[in-house]
Structures are given as C-alpha cells and as structure tokens.
Amino acid sequence: MALIPKTILAATDFSETADKAARLARELGRRFDAHIQMLHVVVILDDAHLEEEHRRHLDELMETTGETRRTVMENDAEARTGVDITSHLVRGIAPGETIVESASNLGSELIVMGTHGRRGLSHLLLGSVAERVVRTSAVPVLTVRSDATINPDGIRRILVPHDFSEASAIAIGHAVEWARTLEAEITLLHIVEPVVYPEFYSVDVLPVDLIGRLKSRSEEALRKVATELAEAVPTHTAVAVGRAADTITSYADPNEFDLVVMATRGLSGLEHVLLGSVAESVLRRCRVPMLTIPG
C-alpha cells in the first residue's frame, strides 16, 4: 500500500460537502504531485427523493461530450491548481460498492469523499455510504464532514490515536509520511478506557490508582514511540481517560488539528471487532478531515 498516493479518487455528488472534499483532494494532489480521478456514481435505480432539477442535470451530463462533462465536474479546477484531473461518470446500483470498485479499477491509492450529501433521504444515506466505503475499501479513505474545518494553510497538525496494535502502527507510518511531505507535526493519542460495569455489580469504573498506573505506562510507551519518530517529524504525545470514540472526537478540535489518521482495526480479540465501530463513530462526528487506514 502506497503511503503517499499518486492517484486519488475524489467521489462527488455535486453537493457543497462533496465540493469541500474535492477541494481538499485537489490540494493534496498538488502537494503529492498526484493525479485526481473525479468520480460521480449515477444510481441506476430511480431515487424518488432525488430533486427533479438534479436528476435532469445528471441526464444532461451523461449526454454531453467528454470535454464539456470534464469542465462541469472539475469546475475549472485544473486551470486553478495545475493538478492533472480526469472525470468519470459511472452507473451503479450501490454508490459505496461502486466507489470502491472504481477505485480498484482506476488504480487509486486514496479515496476522498464527503460524509453528508444532498437534502432528504440522500442526505441521510450518504453518511452510511461513506461508512460502507471505509469498511470495505482496500485503500485509505479521507472523509470530510459538512461542518468540518479545513485549514487554509494546509494540513500542519495531525492527530493519530494509537492503541499499540499493529494496525495503529501502520496508521502511524502513513501519518509520518504525510507529515514529512506536508511539513506537518503529529500528536500520538492513547485512550485509557475505564471498565464500566452494570449497576448490579455495585462498581462503576476501574480504581483511580489503577487508572493512574495505566496512564503512566501509556505515557512511557508513547514517549518511546515518539522518540523513534522524532528524527522524521516533530512528534508530541497525549494520554487521556474516557470512552475511546467520545474522547478522540472531543480531542480532535479543529483549532488544534487539521487531520485525524486512524486505523480501522486494532487489538486482537474483542477489541479487533470493536475498533471498527470506534472509527466509524469518530467518522460520523469528527470536526476535522479524517483519514482511515484499513487494517
């Protein structure tokens, strides 16, 4: 898996959120010297909730010449940024599966997409489309929420949740290479999760002294990782106590970070199953762009 993508697929539904994601994709294309594949999936089955104007626009777009279609989809982006861009309109039954399949067919090494789209039912479903793409993609996926804040100065501060698993180590590898190319710094974050029991057991969380010891061990372990990375990129560490998804989402303050890089799989056993839901929960609420790395 390429750590710095040279071919980026930017999925669009022509919504404001998709436009925001596409702008970020073009900026990354410029910084990474990558080729951008602009993709719109035309759902074969009629969507009764699709606005008539949008439906007519797509029908007209499918009938236009390649050059006209490219101008509409790229929004003159090539002239403004100097990025090499190719546009594609693909018909499919399920947008998520079609995006993943198209990325594979086009040799894309990164998928960029918004997590919310048009109004009505489509607006509600596009979030699940993004989650489906994250869940099934063999390449990293960069998602951008409608209310996400994108730093106009570029990606300079990267947050990487780390649970000391092999998957997290792979995510750190991606974050380091992105940080080197983008001249950014990274912060490694480990979450100590208190064990919460049902009221029947008359106990709420782990003892305070045990949490303290876990924090100390985590801080020491993170410092070792940071020391190894320091020669490559500026690296900071942080340890917090709380539920993983909630704490990561809260920590990812757009005033402090420009990107979250997170693995979609973690420790073995039960955690291996649960971390996928943690990543998806963060994805739904993250206020900065989020890069998920498949395990």
C-alpha atoms as a PDB file:
ATOM      1  CA  MET A   1       0.000   0.000   0.000  1.00  0.00           C
ATOM      2  CA  ALA A   2       1.472   3.345  -1.063  1.00  0.00           C
ATOM      3  CA  LEU A   3       1.896   5.729   1.867  1.00  0.00           C
ATOM      4  CA  ILE A   4       1.870   8.809  -0.382  1.00  0.00           C
ATOM      5  CA  PRO A   5      -0.845   8.371  -3.037  1.00  0.00           C
ATOM      6  CA  LYS A   6      -0.069   9.179  -6.648  1.00  0.00           C
ATOM      7  CA  THR A   7      -3.637   8.554  -7.845  1.00  0.00           C
ATOM      8  CA  ILE A   8      -6.527   9.991  -5.812  1.00  0.00           C
ATOM      9  CA  LEU A   9     -10.196   9.216  -6.410  1.00  0.00           C
ATOM     10  CA  ALA A  10     -12.471  12.102  -5.373  1.00  0.00           C
ATOM     11  CA  ALA A  11     -16.112  10.986  -5.205  1.00  0.00           C
ATOM     12  CA  THR A  12     -18.667  13.748  -5.750  1.00  0.00           C
ATOM     13  CA  ASP A  13     -22.445  14.096  -5.690  1.00  0.00           C
ATOM     14  CA  PHE A  14     -22.206  17.821  -6.591  1.00  0.00           C
ATOM     15  CA  SER A  15     -23.182  18.830  -3.036  1.00  0.00           C
ATOM     16  CA  GLU A  16     -21.407  21.531  -1.022  1.00  0.00           C
ATOM     17  CA  THR A  17     -19.856  18.877   1.202  1.00  0.00           C
ATOM     18  CA  ALA A  18     -18.551  16.958  -1.791  1.00  0.00           C
ATOM     19  CA  ASP A  19     -17.148  20.201  -3.214  1.00  0.00           C
ATOM     20  CA  LYS A  20     -15.317  20.801   0.068  1.00  0.00           C
ATOM     21  CA  ALA A  21     -13.859  17.279  -0.074  1.00  0.00           C
ATOM     22  CA  ALA A  22     -12.908  17.754  -3.737  1.00  0.00           C
ATOM     23  CA  ARG A  23     -11.047  20.977  -2.938  1.00  0.00           C
ATOM     24  CA  LEU A  24      -9.047  19.134  -0.295  1.00  0.00           C
ATOM     25  CA  ALA A  25      -8.377  16.311  -2.770  1.00  0.00           C
ATOM     26  CA  ARG A  26      -7.062  18.807  -5.317  1.00  0.00           C
ATOM     27  CA  GLU A  27      -4.814  20.433  -2.720  1.00  0.00           C
ATOM     28  CA  LEU A  28      -3.416  17.017  -1.786  1.00  0.00           C
ATOM     29  CA  GLY A  29      -2.983  16.269  -5.476  1.00  0.00           C
ATOM     30  CA  ARG A  30      -0.908  19.409  -5.793  1.00  0.00           C
ATOM     31  CA  ARG A  31       1.212  18.662  -2.709  1.00  0.00           C
ATOM     32  CA  PHE A  32       1.631  14.967  -3.521  1.00  0.00           C
ATOM     33  CA  ASP A  33       2.045  15.520  -7.281  1.00  0.00           C
ATOM     34  CA  ALA A  34      -0.832  13.060  -7.717  1.00  0.00           C
ATOM     35  CA  HIS A  35      -3.406  12.514 -10.465  1.00  0.00           C
ATOM     36  CA  ILE A  36      -7.038  13.189  -9.462  1.00  0.00           C
ATOM     37  CA  GLN A  37      -9.853  10.920 -10.654  1.00  0.00           C
ATOM     38  CA  MET A  38     -13.162  12.796 -10.192  1.00  0.00           C
ATOM     39  CA  LEU A  39     -15.996  10.262  -9.895  1.00  0.00           C
ATOM     40  CA  HIS A  40     -19.759  10.599  -9.781  1.00  0.00           C
ATOM     41  CA  VAL A  41     -21.902   7.488  -9.369  1.00  0.00           C
ATOM     42  CA  VAL A  42     -25.223   7.624 -11.209  1.00  0.00           C
ATOM     43  CA  VAL A  43     -27.524   5.252  -9.333  1.00  0.00           C
ATOM     44  CA  ILE A  44     -29.345   3.020 -11.817  1.00  0.00           C
ATOM     45  CA  LEU A  45     -32.426   2.630  -9.654  1.00  0.00           C
ATOM     46  CA  ASP A  46     -34.582   5.743  -9.565  1.00  0.00           C
ATOM     47  CA  ASP A  47     -34.420   7.690  -6.307  1.00  0.00           C
ATOM     48  CA  ALA A  48     -37.834   9.192  -5.604  1.00  0.00           C
ATOM     49  CA  HIS A  49     -36.202  11.652  -3.206  1.00  0.00           C
ATOM     50  CA  LEU A  50     -33.756  12.983  -5.776  1.00  0.00           C
ATOM     51  CA  GLU A  51     -34.630  16.548  -6.735  1.00  0.00           C
ATOM     52  CA  GLU A  52     -36.016  16.796 -10.264  1.00  0.00           C
ATOM     53  CA  GLU A  53     -33.543  19.520 -11.130  1.00  0.00           C
ATOM     54  CA  HIS A  54     -30.608  17.371 -10.034  1.00  0.00           C
ATOM     55  CA  ARG A  55     -31.996  14.364 -11.931  1.00  0.00           C
ATOM     56  CA  ARG A  56     -32.299  16.417 -15.122  1.00  0.00           C
ATOM     57  CA  HIS A  57     -28.790  17.804 -14.622  1.00  0.00           C
ATOM     58  CA  LEU A  58     -27.352  14.272 -14.414  1.00  0.00           C
ATOM     59  CA  ASP A  59     -29.246  13.123 -17.502  1.00  0.00           C
ATOM     60  CA  GLU A  60     -27.888  16.079 -19.444  1.00  0.00           C
ATOM     61  CA  LEU A  61     -24.394  15.495 -18.106  1.00  0.00           C
ATOM     62  CA  MET A  62     -24.425  11.859 -19.236  1.00  0.00           C
ATOM     63  CA  GLU A  63     -25.304  13.001 -22.767  1.00  0.00           C
ATOM     64  CA  THR A  64     -22.661  15.728 -23.049  1.00  0.00           C
ATOM     65  CA  THR A  65     -19.307  15.413 -24.763  1.00  0.00           C
ATOM     66  CA  GLY A  66     -16.324  14.356 -22.730  1.00  0.00           C
ATOM     67  CA  GLU A  67     -14.792  17.853 -22.681  1.00  0.00           C
ATOM     68  CA  THR A  68     -17.998  19.549 -21.526  1.00  0.00           C
ATOM     69  CA  ARG A  69     -18.547  16.901 -18.866  1.00  0.00           C
ATOM     70  CA  ARG A  70     -14.980  17.327 -17.634  1.00  0.00           C
ATOM     71  CA  THR A  71     -15.408  21.098 -17.304  1.00  0.00           C
ATOM     72  CA  VAL A  72     -18.597  20.695 -15.263  1.00  0.00           C
ATOM     73  CA  MET A  73     -17.239  18.004 -12.921  1.00  0.00           C
ATOM     74  CA  GLU A  74     -13.863  19.613 -12.405  1.00  0.00           C
ATOM     75  CA  ASN A  75     -15.257  23.125 -12.007  1.00  0.00           C
ATOM     76  CA  ASP A  76     -12.206  24.539 -13.817  1.00  0.00           C
ATOM     77  CA  ALA A  77     -10.071  23.059 -11.046  1.00  0.00           C
ATOM     78  CA  GLU A  78      -7.261  22.056 -13.383  1.00  0.00           C
ATOM     79  CA  ALA A  79      -6.754  25.640 -14.538  1.00  0.00           C
ATOM     80  CA  ARG A  80      -6.774  26.961 -10.982  1.00  0.00           C
ATOM     81  CA  THR A  81      -4.496  24.441  -9.332  1.00  0.00           C
ATOM     82  CA  GLY A  82      -2.401  22.901 -12.077  1.00  0.00           C
ATOM     83  CA  VAL A  83      -3.447  19.402 -10.946  1.00  0.00           C
ATOM     84  CA  ASP A  84      -3.927  16.659 -13.521  1.00  0.00           C
ATOM     85  CA  ILE A  85      -7.626  15.667 -13.355  1.00  0.00           C
ATOM     86  CA  THR A  86      -9.768  13.094 -15.161  1.00  0.00           C
ATOM     87  CA  SER A  87     -13.536  12.844 -14.713  1.00  0.00           C
ATOM     88  CA  HIS A  88     -15.684   9.716 -14.675  1.00  0.00           C
ATOM     89  CA  LEU A  89     -19.436   9.135 -14.525  1.00  0.00           C
ATOM     90  CA  VAL A  90     -20.220   5.536 -13.597  1.00  0.00           C
ATOM     91  CA  ARG A  91     -23.599   3.848 -13.310  1.00  0.00           C
ATOM     92  CA  GLY A  92     -24.160   1.538 -10.372  1.00  0.00           C
ATOM     93  CA  ILE A  93     -26.786   0.133  -8.039  1.00  0.00           C
ATOM     94  CA  ALA A  94     -24.986   0.844  -4.757  1.00  0.00           C
ATOM     95  CA  PRO A  95     -22.815   4.018  -4.534  1.00  0.00           C
ATOM     96  CA  GLY A  96     -20.472   2.669  -1.859  1.00  0.00           C
ATOM     97  CA  GLU A  97     -19.641  -0.529  -3.696  1.00  0.00           C
ATOM     98  CA  THR A  98     -19.291   1.354  -6.988  1.00  0.00           C
ATOM     99  CA  ILE A  99     -16.855   3.858  -5.455  1.00  0.00           C
ATOM    100  CA  VAL A 100     -14.691   1.069  -4.008  1.00  0.00           C
ATOM    101  CA  GLU A 101     -14.794  -0.906  -7.263  1.00  0.00           C
ATOM    102  CA  SER A 102     -13.947   2.194  -9.310  1.00  0.00           C
ATOM    103  CA  ALA A 103     -11.002   2.977  -7.052  1.00  0.00           C
ATOM    104  CA  SER A 104      -9.680  -0.520  -7.677  1.00  0.00           C
ATOM    105  CA  ASN A 105     -10.263  -0.337 -11.435  1.00  0.00           C
ATOM    106  CA  LEU A 106      -8.587   3.067 -11.710  1.00  0.00           C
ATOM    107  CA  GLY A 107      -5.633   2.112  -9.539  1.00  0.00           C
ATOM    108  CA  SER A 108      -6.456   4.794  -6.962  1.00  0.00           C
ATOM    109  CA  GLU A 109      -4.389   4.754  -3.781  1.00  0.00           C
ATOM    110  CA  LEU A 110      -6.641   7.120  -1.816  1.00  0.00           C
ATOM    111  CA  ILE A 111     -10.385   7.826  -1.802  1.00  0.00           C
ATOM    112  CA  VAL A 112     -11.598  11.298  -0.781  1.00  0.00           C
ATOM    113  CA  MET A 113     -15.299  11.930  -0.147  1.00  0.00           C
ATOM    114  CA  GLY A 114     -17.797  13.877   1.921  1.00  0.00           C
ATOM    115  CA  THR A 115     -19.825  12.210   4.658  1.00  0.00           C
ATOM    116  CA  HIS A 116     -23.076  14.096   4.010  1.00  0.00           C
ATOM    117  CA  GLY A 117     -24.673  14.920   0.701  1.00  0.00           C
ATOM    118  CA  ARG A 118     -27.917  16.265  -0.614  1.00  0.00           C
ATOM    119  CA  ARG A 119     -31.081  17.003   1.303  1.00  0.00           C
ATOM    120  CA  GLY A 120     -33.788  14.493   2.130  1.00  0.00           C
ATOM    121  CA  LEU A 121     -33.147  10.762   2.115  1.00  0.00           C
ATOM    122  CA  SER A 122     -29.914  11.118   0.162  1.00  0.00           C
ATOM    123  CA  HIS A 123     -28.554  13.417   2.871  1.00  0.00           C
ATOM    124  CA  LEU A 124     -29.172  10.738   5.475  1.00  0.00           C
ATOM    125  CA  LEU A 125     -27.828   7.886   3.378  1.00  0.00           C
ATOM    126  CA  LEU A 126     -24.563   9.402   2.203  1.00  0.00           C
ATOM    127  CA  GLY A 127     -23.138   9.115   5.698  1.00  0.00           C
ATOM    128  CA  SER A 128     -23.737   5.367   5.539  1.00  0.00           C
ATOM    129  CA  VAL A 129     -22.236   5.333   2.026  1.00  0.00           C
ATOM    130  CA  ALA A 130     -19.019   6.809   3.431  1.00  0.00           C
ATOM    131  CA  GLU A 131     -19.029   4.267   6.249  1.00  0.00           C
ATOM    132  CA  ARG A 132     -19.548   1.467   3.733  1.00  0.00           C
ATOM    133  CA  VAL A 133     -16.588   2.725   1.716  1.00  0.00           C
ATOM    134  CA  VAL A 134     -14.399   2.957   4.827  1.00  0.00           C
ATOM    135  CA  ARG A 135     -15.476  -0.546   5.888  1.00  0.00           C
ATOM    136  CA  THR A 136     -14.745  -2.223   2.545  1.00  0.00           C
ATOM    137  CA  SER A 137     -12.006  -0.179   0.878  1.00  0.00           C
ATOM    138  CA  ALA A 138      -8.590  -1.745   0.465  1.00  0.00           C
ATOM    139  CA  VAL A 139      -7.006   1.729   0.314  1.00  0.00           C
ATOM    140  CA  PRO A 140      -7.110   4.651   2.780  1.00  0.00           C
ATOM    141  CA  VAL A 141     -10.230   6.820   2.766  1.00  0.00           C
ATOM    142  CA  LEU A 142     -10.240  10.528   3.601  1.00  0.00           C
ATOM    143  CA  THR A 143     -13.681  11.731   4.730  1.00  0.00           C
ATOM    144  CA  VAL A 144     -14.852  15.313   5.200  1.00  0.00           C
ATOM    145  CA  ARG A 145     -17.988  16.226   7.150  1.00  0.00           C
ATOM    146  CA  SER A 146     -20.235  19.066   6.044  1.00  0.00           C
ATOM    147  CA  ASP A 147     -19.211  21.089   9.115  1.00  0.00           C
ATOM    148  CA  ALA A 148     -15.535  20.107   9.037  1.00  0.00           C
ATOM    149  CA  THR A 149     -12.975  22.868   9.247  1.00  0.00           C
ATOM    150  CA  ILE A 150     -10.228  22.826   6.607  1.00  0.00           C
ATOM    151  CA  ASN A 151      -7.138  24.836   7.425  1.00  0.00           C
ATOM    152  CA  PRO A 152      -6.495  27.276   4.528  1.00  0.00           C
ATOM    153  CA  ASP A 153      -2.775  26.936   5.254  1.00  0.00           C
ATOM    154  CA  GLY A 154      -2.962  23.194   4.619  1.00  0.00           C
ATOM    155  CA  ILE A 155      -2.534  20.170   6.868  1.00  0.00           C
ATOM    156  CA  ARG A 156       0.007  21.161   9.514  1.00  0.00           C
ATOM    157  CA  ARG A 157      -1.132  19.264  12.644  1.00  0.00           C
ATOM    158  CA  ILE A 158      -2.056  15.562  12.542  1.00  0.00           C
ATOM    159  CA  LEU A 159      -3.699  13.596  15.368  1.00  0.00           C
ATOM    160  CA  VAL A 160      -3.103   9.827  15.459  1.00  0.00           C
ATOM    161  CA  PRO A 161      -4.959   7.649  18.005  1.00  0.00           C
ATOM    162  CA  HIS A 162      -2.642   4.785  18.987  1.00  0.00           C
ATOM    163  CA  ASP A 163      -3.623   1.605  20.852  1.00  0.00           C
ATOM    164  CA  PHE A 164      -0.214  -0.068  20.370  1.00  0.00           C
ATOM    165  CA  SER A 165      -1.653  -2.554  17.888  1.00  0.00           C
ATOM    166  CA  GLU A 166      -0.044  -3.473  14.571  1.00  0.00           C
ATOM    167  CA  ALA A 167      -2.853  -1.677  12.719  1.00  0.00           C
ATOM    168  CA  SER A 168      -2.202   1.517  14.684  1.00  0.00           C
ATOM    169  CA  ALA A 169       1.492   1.242  13.869  1.00  0.00           C
ATOM    170  CA  ILE A 170       0.587   1.100  10.166  1.00  0.00           C
ATOM    171  CA  ALA A 171      -1.590   4.202  10.591  1.00  0.00           C
ATOM    172  CA  ILE A 172       1.337   5.973  12.256  1.00  0.00           C
ATOM    173  CA  GLY A 173       3.516   5.064   9.272  1.00  0.00           C
ATOM    174  CA  HIS A 174       1.042   6.787   6.940  1.00  0.00           C
ATOM    175  CA  ALA A 175       0.803   9.800   9.243  1.00  0.00           C
ATOM    176  CA  VAL A 176       4.583  10.191   9.356  1.00  0.00           C
ATOM    177  CA  GLU A 177       4.955  10.092   5.570  1.00  0.00           C
ATOM    178  CA  TRP A 178       2.090  12.577   5.112  1.00  0.00           C
ATOM    179  CA  ALA A 179       3.619  14.821   7.782  1.00  0.00           C
ATOM    180  CA  ARG A 180       7.038  14.736   6.100  1.00  0.00           C
ATOM    181  CA  THR A 181       5.577  15.618   2.714  1.00  0.00           C
ATOM    182  CA  LEU A 182       3.215  18.281   4.059  1.00  0.00           C
ATOM    183  CA  GLU A 183       5.746  19.649   6.577  1.00  0.00           C
ATOM    184  CA  ALA A 184       3.378  18.871   9.440  1.00  0.00           C
ATOM    185  CA  GLU A 185       3.731  17.640  13.023  1.00  0.00           C
ATOM    186  CA  ILE A 186       1.917  14.707  14.613  1.00  0.00           C
ATOM    187  CA  THR A 187       0.420  14.015  18.027  1.00  0.00           C
ATOM    188  CA  LEU A 188       0.054  10.441  19.252  1.00  0.00           C
ATOM    189  CA  LEU A 189      -3.021   9.963  21.455  1.00  0.00           C
ATOM    190  CA  HIS A 190      -3.700   6.936  23.636  1.00  0.00           C
ATOM    191  CA  ILE A 191      -7.014   6.451  25.415  1.00  0.00           C
ATOM    192  CA  VAL A 192      -7.239   4.627  28.739  1.00  0.00           C
ATOM    193  CA  GLU A 193     -10.802   3.326  28.893  1.00  0.00           C
ATOM    194  CA  PRO A 194     -12.292   2.752  32.362  1.00  0.00           C
ATOM    195  CA  VAL A 195     -14.225  -0.510  32.532  1.00  0.00           C
ATOM    196  CA  VAL A 196     -17.881   0.274  33.205  1.00  0.00           C
ATOM    197  CA  TYR A 197     -19.945  -2.458  34.861  1.00  0.00           C
ATOM    198  CA  PRO A 198     -23.747  -2.774  35.196  1.00  0.00           C
ATOM    199  CA  GLU A 199     -25.225  -1.368  38.408  1.00  0.00           C
ATOM    200  CA  PHE A 200     -25.830  -4.949  39.576  1.00  0.00           C
ATOM    201  CA  TYR A 201     -22.141  -5.268  40.443  1.00  0.00           C
ATOM    202  CA  SER A 202     -22.135  -2.060  42.525  1.00  0.00           C
ATOM    203  CA  VAL A 203     -18.983  -0.780  40.858  1.00  0.00           C
ATOM    204  CA  ASP A 204     -18.602   1.899  38.217  1.00  0.00           C
ATOM    205  CA  VAL A 205     -15.054   2.121  36.930  1.00  0.00           C
ATOM    206  CA  LEU A 206     -11.522   0.919  37.470  1.00  0.00           C
ATOM    207  CA  PRO A 207      -9.915   2.116  40.730  1.00  0.00           C
ATOM    208  CA  VAL A 208      -8.284   5.540  40.479  1.00  0.00           C
ATOM    209  CA  ASP A 209      -4.858   4.210  41.396  1.00  0.00           C
ATOM    210  CA  LEU A 210      -5.023   1.588  38.675  1.00  0.00           C
ATOM    211  CA  ILE A 211      -6.016   4.194  36.080  1.00  0.00           C
ATOM    212  CA  GLY A 212      -3.076   6.286  37.241  1.00  0.00           C
ATOM    213  CA  ARG A 213      -0.683   3.383  36.713  1.00  0.00           C
ATOM    214  CA  LEU A 214      -2.157   2.676  33.262  1.00  0.00           C
ATOM    215  CA  LYS A 215      -1.718   6.323  32.291  1.00  0.00           C
ATOM    216  CA  SER A 216       1.912   6.290  33.447  1.00  0.00           C
ATOM    217  CA  ARG A 217       2.685   3.116  31.477  1.00  0.00           C
ATOM    218  CA  SER A 218       0.934   4.538  28.405  1.00  0.00           C
ATOM    219  CA  GLU A 219       2.822   7.825  28.624  1.00  0.00           C
ATOM    220  CA  GLU A 220       6.144   5.962  28.877  1.00  0.00           C
ATOM    221  CA  ALA A 221       5.284   3.734  25.911  1.00  0.00           C
ATOM    222  CA  LEU A 222       4.163   6.704  23.795  1.00  0.00           C
ATOM    223  CA  ARG A 223       7.369   8.597  24.585  1.00  0.00           C
ATOM    224  CA  LYS A 224       9.387   5.660  23.243  1.00  0.00           C
ATOM    225  CA  VAL A 225       7.411   5.693  20.004  1.00  0.00           C
ATOM    226  CA  ALA A 226       7.735   9.483  19.749  1.00  0.00           C
ATOM    227  CA  THR A 227      11.492   9.286  20.261  1.00  0.00           C
ATOM    228  CA  GLU A 228      11.762   6.857  17.339  1.00  0.00           C
ATOM    229  CA  LEU A 229       9.726   9.184  15.124  1.00  0.00           C
ATOM    230  CA  ALA A 230      11.345  12.447  16.205  1.00  0.00           C
ATOM    231  CA  GLU A 231      14.100  12.228  13.609  1.00  0.00           C
ATOM    232  CA  ALA A 232      11.491  12.108  10.839  1.00  0.00           C
ATOM    233  CA  VAL A 233       8.831  14.570  12.037  1.00  0.00           C
ATOM    234  CA  PRO A 234       8.053  16.672  15.125  1.00  0.00           C
ATOM    235  CA  THR A 235       6.071  14.344  17.403  1.00  0.00           C
ATOM    236  CA  HIS A 236       4.030  15.010  20.533  1.00  0.00           C
ATOM    237  CA  THR A 237       2.175  12.634  22.853  1.00  0.00           C
ATOM    238  CA  ALA A 238      -1.003  12.724  24.920  1.00  0.00           C
ATOM    239  CA  VAL A 239      -2.840  10.240  27.130  1.00  0.00           C
ATOM    240  CA  ALA A 240      -6.489  10.712  28.078  1.00  0.00           C
ATOM    241  CA  VAL A 241      -9.036   8.745  30.101  1.00  0.00           C
ATOM    242  CA  GLY A 242     -12.515   8.069  28.743  1.00  0.00           C
ATOM    243  CA  ARG A 243     -14.541   6.199  26.159  1.00  0.00           C
ATOM    244  CA  ALA A 244     -12.420   5.896  23.016  1.00  0.00           C
ATOM    245  CA  ALA A 245     -14.780   7.302  20.374  1.00  0.00           C
ATOM    246  CA  ASP A 246     -16.029  10.165  22.545  1.00  0.00           C
ATOM    247  CA  THR A 247     -12.554  11.135  23.707  1.00  0.00           C
ATOM    248  CA  ILE A 248     -10.999  11.068  20.235  1.00  0.00           C
ATOM    249  CA  THR A 249     -13.879  13.118  18.832  1.00  0.00           C
ATOM    250  CA  SER A 250     -13.552  15.677  21.624  1.00  0.00           C
ATOM    251  CA  TYR A 251      -9.759  15.815  21.321  1.00  0.00           C
ATOM    252  CA  ALA A 252      -9.931  16.418  17.561  1.00  0.00           C
ATOM    253  CA  ASP A 253     -10.516  20.146  17.967  1.00  0.00           C
ATOM    254  CA  PRO A 254     -10.265  21.980  14.610  1.00  0.00           C
ATOM    255  CA  ASN A 255      -8.371  24.742  16.416  1.00  0.00           C
ATOM    256  CA  GLU A 256      -5.699  22.213  17.346  1.00  0.00           C
ATOM    257  CA  PHE A 257      -5.622  19.693  14.478  1.00  0.00           C
ATOM    258  CA  ASP A 258      -6.117  19.642  10.709  1.00  0.00           C
ATOM    259  CA  LEU A 259      -6.335  15.866  10.174  1.00  0.00           C
ATOM    260  CA  VAL A 260      -7.064  12.699  12.139  1.00  0.00           C
ATOM    261  CA  VAL A 261      -5.364   9.496  10.986  1.00  0.00           C
ATOM    262  CA  MET A 262      -6.887   6.327  12.409  1.00  0.00           C
ATOM    263  CA  ALA A 263      -6.729   2.591  11.793  1.00  0.00           C
ATOM    264  CA  THR A 264      -9.997   0.749  11.223  1.00  0.00           C
ATOM    265  CA  ARG A 265      -8.807  -2.308  13.148  1.00  0.00           C
ATOM    266  CA  GLY A 266      -6.982  -2.561  16.444  1.00  0.00           C
ATOM    267  CA  LEU A 267      -6.025  -5.130  19.039  1.00  0.00           C
ATOM    268  CA  SER A 268      -6.806  -8.811  18.616  1.00  0.00           C
ATOM    269  CA  GLY A 269      -9.849 -10.496  20.110  1.00  0.00           C
ATOM    270  CA  LEU A 270     -12.892  -8.447  21.047  1.00  0.00           C
ATOM    271  CA  GLU A 271     -11.076  -5.149  20.516  1.00  0.00           C
ATOM    272  CA  HIS A 272     -10.364  -6.185  16.917  1.00  0.00           C
ATOM    273  CA  VAL A 273     -14.101  -6.297  16.286  1.00  0.00           C
ATOM    274  CA  LEU A 274     -14.966  -3.178  18.273  1.00  0.00           C
ATOM    275  CA  LEU A 275     -12.372  -0.755  16.933  1.00  0.00           C
ATOM    276  CA  GLY A 276     -14.113  -0.683  13.573  1.00  0.00           C
ATOM    277  CA  SER A 277     -17.188   0.745  15.284  1.00  0.00           C
ATOM    278  CA  VAL A 278     -14.971   3.231  17.150  1.00  0.00           C
ATOM    279  CA  ALA A 279     -13.527   4.511  13.871  1.00  0.00           C
ATOM    280  CA  GLU A 280     -16.999   4.772  12.343  1.00  0.00           C
ATOM    281  CA  SER A 281     -18.303   6.602  15.401  1.00  0.00           C
ATOM    282  CA  VAL A 282     -15.444   9.102  15.177  1.00  0.00           C
ATOM    283  CA  LEU A 283     -16.014   9.441  11.427  1.00  0.00           C
ATOM    284  CA  ARG A 284     -19.649  10.484  11.975  1.00  0.00           C
ATOM    285  CA  ARG A 285     -18.697  13.263  14.401  1.00  0.00           C
ATOM    286  CA  CYS A 286     -15.142  14.306  13.600  1.00  0.00           C
ATOM    287  CA  ARG A 287     -14.891  18.071  13.058  1.00  0.00           C
ATOM    288  CA  VAL A 288     -11.697  17.829  11.004  1.00  0.00           C
ATOM    289  CA  PRO A 289     -10.957  15.688   7.927  1.00  0.00           C
ATOM    290  CA  MET A 290     -10.328  12.066   8.882  1.00  0.00           C
ATOM    291  CA  LEU A 291      -8.047   9.572   7.147  1.00  0.00           C
ATOM    292  CA  THR A 292      -8.875   5.932   7.870  1.00  0.00           C
ATOM    293  CA  ILE A 293      -6.280   3.269   7.191  1.00  0.00           C
ATOM    294  CA  PRO A 294      -7.540  -0.279   6.501  1.00  0.00           C
ATOM    295  CA  GLY A 295      -6.154  -2.967   8.762  1.00  0.00           C
END
